[in-house]
Amino acid sequence: MQAPSNERQLLIVEDDAAFARALGRSFGRRGYTVLSATSLDEVHALLLEHKPGYAVVDLKLNGAASGLACVQALHRHYANMQIVVLTGFASIATAVEAIKLGACHYLAKPSNTDDIEAAFVSKEGSVGVELTQRSTSIKTLEWERIHEVLAETGFNISETARRLGMHRRTLARKLEKHRVT
């Protein structure tokens, strides 16, 4: 039996087992061969035997490495891989870093299979994207700064709080209050 072509092989890097399973089933019904990993170590192990053409990577993974490290490893392994970062903790800082590291798109949760598949084929930017008329609020700037530092620290809450000069519990409350799921 011939190994499946990487053109329809998808790697899902997600530590939420139920979400990864549902996403995998949905992509499987669309003709993808689905591989799953929950950490950077598992990604490295899978890349020894597989060369997927697509990847969906959760930004915040349990453990030491963030999804950004997975994006970097995947892009280094196969520069033509279409990588979509999926996150419940969206920020401008992490979106920019994900794209710089090799992701083709960055989507905030909740996103479904249609959204992700559209992101895989949308290779060009769009000049038709609507610009907002509102100026950025202080709360939005604070939120973006928090996420920027979170990304810098690999999503270490204690270190982020220290760098921002705030109590860890205060930061945890802010993150819980503005959680995007």
Protein backbone atom coordinates (compact mmCIF):
# COMPACT_ATOMS: atom_id res chain seq x y z
CA MET A 1 0.00 0.00 0.00
CA GLN A 2 1.34 3.40 -0.97
CA ALA A 3 1.84 6.06 1.72
CA PRO A 4 -0.71 8.89 1.51
CA SER A 5 0.34 11.98 -0.40
CA ASN A 6 1.30 14.95 1.74
CA GLU A 7 -1.10 17.06 -0.34
CA ARG A 8 -4.05 15.84 1.76
CA GLN A 9 -2.17 15.04 4.97
CA LEU A 10 -3.05 17.29 7.91
CA LEU A 11 -1.30 17.60 11.25
CA ILE A 12 -3.40 18.88 14.16
CA VAL A 13 -1.33 20.20 17.08
CA GLU A 14 -3.84 20.62 19.89
CA ASP A 15 -3.75 19.63 23.56
CA ASP A 16 -7.56 19.61 23.96
CA ALA A 17 -8.22 15.98 23.05
CA ALA A 18 -11.96 16.40 22.44
CA PHE A 19 -11.47 19.40 20.13
CA ALA A 20 -8.62 17.67 18.27
CA ARG A 21 -10.76 14.55 17.79
CA ALA A 22 -13.75 16.55 16.48
CA LEU A 23 -11.55 18.58 14.14
CA GLY A 24 -9.80 15.42 12.95
CA ARG A 25 -13.10 13.67 12.19
CA SER A 26 -14.35 16.70 10.29
CA PHE A 27 -11.21 16.92 8.15
CA GLY A 28 -11.20 13.14 7.70
CA ARG A 29 -14.69 13.35 6.16
CA ARG A 30 -13.25 15.89 3.72
CA GLY A 31 -10.61 13.46 2.51
CA TYR A 32 -7.63 14.45 4.65
CA THR A 33 -5.36 11.95 6.32
CA VAL A 34 -5.15 13.32 9.85
CA LEU A 35 -2.18 13.13 12.22
CA SER A 36 -2.33 14.48 15.77
CA ALA A 37 0.19 15.83 18.25
CA THR A 38 -0.19 17.52 21.63
CA SER A 39 3.33 18.93 22.06
CA LEU A 40 6.46 20.06 20.26
CA ASP A 41 8.15 16.73 21.08
CA GLU A 42 5.31 14.82 19.43
CA VAL A 43 5.53 17.13 16.40
CA HIS A 44 9.24 16.36 16.04
CA ALA A 45 8.55 12.61 16.30
CA LEU A 46 5.82 12.74 13.64
CA LEU A 47 8.01 14.76 11.28
CA LEU A 48 10.56 11.93 11.22
CA GLU A 49 8.07 9.78 9.30
CA HIS A 50 5.60 12.22 7.74
CA LYS A 51 5.63 15.35 5.61
CA PRO A 52 2.14 16.83 5.98
CA GLY A 53 1.03 19.49 3.53
CA TYR A 54 -1.23 21.17 6.12
CA ALA A 55 -1.18 21.90 9.83
CA VAL A 56 -3.54 23.43 12.38
CA VAL A 57 -1.63 24.57 15.46
CA ASP A 58 -3.13 25.73 18.75
CA LEU A 59 -1.21 28.75 20.03
CA LYS A 60 -1.35 27.81 23.71
CA LEU A 61 -0.24 24.28 24.44
CA ASN A 62 0.32 22.70 27.84
CA GLY A 63 4.00 22.36 28.64
CA ALA A 64 7.09 24.43 27.97
CA ALA A 65 6.72 25.11 24.23
CA SER A 66 4.04 27.32 22.74
CA GLY A 67 2.36 26.76 19.42
CA LEU A 68 4.73 29.35 17.95
CA ALA A 69 7.63 26.95 18.50
CA CYS A 70 5.61 24.28 16.66
CA VAL A 71 4.96 26.68 13.77
CA GLN A 72 8.68 27.38 13.52
CA ALA A 73 9.56 23.66 13.57
CA LEU A 74 6.92 22.79 10.97
CA HIS A 75 7.99 25.60 8.64
CA ARG A 76 11.66 24.59 8.94
CA HIS A 77 10.75 20.97 8.16
CA TYR A 78 8.62 21.80 5.12
CA ALA A 79 8.55 25.43 3.98
CA ASN A 80 5.56 24.88 1.66
CA MET A 81 3.32 23.54 4.44
CA GLN A 82 0.12 25.55 4.89
CA ILE A 83 0.02 26.28 8.63
CA VAL A 84 -2.99 27.85 10.34
CA VAL A 85 -2.65 29.01 13.94
CA LEU A 86 -5.86 28.65 15.92
CA THR A 87 -6.19 30.37 19.28
CA GLY A 88 -8.54 31.41 22.03
CA PHE A 89 -5.95 34.02 23.09
CA ALA A 90 -5.70 36.15 19.96
CA SER A 91 -3.50 39.24 19.94
CA ILE A 92 -1.76 41.32 17.33
CA ALA A 93 1.67 40.44 18.74
CA THR A 94 1.16 36.67 18.49
CA ALA A 95 -0.49 37.00 15.06
CA VAL A 96 2.52 38.89 13.72
CA GLU A 97 4.97 36.40 15.21
CA ALA A 98 3.02 33.42 13.87
CA ILE A 99 3.10 34.83 10.33
CA LYS A 100 6.81 35.71 10.62
CA LEU A 101 7.54 32.14 11.76
CA GLY A 102 5.77 30.60 8.76
CA ALA A 103 2.03 30.41 9.39
CA CYS A 104 -0.16 31.26 6.42
CA HIS A 105 -3.09 32.31 8.61
CA TYR A 106 -4.09 33.09 12.19
CA LEU A 107 -7.66 32.43 13.34
CA ALA A 108 -9.37 33.16 16.63
CA LYS A 109 -11.51 30.44 18.18
CA PRO A 110 -14.22 29.52 17.65
CA SER A 111 -13.36 28.61 14.07
CA ASN A 112 -14.73 25.64 12.20
CA THR A 113 -13.44 23.35 9.47
CA ASP A 114 -14.79 25.65 6.75
CA ASP A 115 -12.87 28.62 8.20
CA ILE A 116 -9.66 26.63 8.46
CA GLU A 117 -9.93 25.11 5.00
CA ALA A 118 -10.61 28.58 3.53
CA ALA A 119 -7.48 29.83 5.32
CA PHE A 120 -5.42 27.05 3.70
CA VAL A 121 -6.36 28.16 0.19
CA SER A 122 -6.28 31.91 0.86
CA LYS A 123 -2.64 32.53 0.04
CA GLU A 124 -2.85 36.17 -0.93
CA GLY A 125 -3.68 39.09 1.32
CA SER A 126 -6.73 41.20 0.61
CA VAL A 127 -6.67 44.95 0.12
CA GLY A 128 -10.44 44.89 0.63
CA VAL A 129 -10.23 44.19 4.35
CA GLU A 130 -12.33 46.73 6.19
CA LEU A 131 -10.41 49.26 8.26
CA THR A 132 -11.99 50.19 11.55
CA GLN A 133 -12.88 53.80 12.26
CA ARG A 134 -12.37 53.44 16.01
CA SER A 135 -9.08 54.31 17.59
CA THR A 136 -7.51 51.74 19.86
CA SER A 137 -8.61 51.97 23.49
CA ILE A 138 -6.32 51.80 26.51
CA LYS A 139 -7.90 48.45 27.43
CA THR A 140 -7.14 47.05 23.99
CA LEU A 141 -3.55 48.29 24.17
CA GLU A 142 -3.18 46.73 27.63
CA TRP A 143 -4.65 43.44 26.35
CA GLU A 144 -2.27 43.40 23.39
CA ARG A 145 0.74 44.20 25.60
CA ILE A 146 -0.21 41.38 27.98
CA HIS A 147 -0.39 38.94 25.06
CA GLU A 148 2.86 40.19 23.61
CA VAL A 149 4.67 39.49 26.89
CA LEU A 150 2.82 36.17 27.26
CA ALA A 151 4.18 35.11 23.87
CA GLU A 152 7.69 36.28 24.80
CA THR A 153 7.62 34.16 27.97
CA GLY A 154 6.16 31.07 26.34
CA PHE A 155 2.84 31.69 28.12
CA ASN A 156 4.42 31.56 31.58
CA ILE A 157 1.94 33.51 33.74
CA SER A 158 4.35 34.13 36.65
CA GLU A 159 7.13 35.46 34.42
CA THR A 160 4.68 37.58 32.42
CA ALA A 161 3.30 39.13 35.61
CA ARG A 162 6.84 39.87 36.81
CA ARG A 163 7.78 41.55 33.52
CA LEU A 164 4.59 43.60 33.52
CA GLY A 165 5.07 44.63 37.14
CA MET A 166 1.77 43.22 38.35
CA HIS A 167 0.72 40.56 40.81
CA ARG A 168 0.29 37.10 39.32
CA ARG A 169 -3.32 36.83 40.57
CA THR A 170 -4.17 40.18 38.98
CA LEU A 171 -2.85 38.96 35.65
CA ALA A 172 -4.71 35.65 36.00
CA ARG A 173 -7.97 37.55 36.68
CA LYS A 174 -7.43 39.77 33.62
CA LEU A 175 -6.79 36.72 31.44
CA GLU A 176 -9.84 34.89 32.75
CA LYS A 177 -12.05 37.97 32.38
CA HIS A 178 -11.15 38.48 28.72
CA ARG A 179 -10.81 34.83 27.73
CA VAL A 180 -11.78 34.14 24.15
CA THR A 181 -13.11 30.60 23.71
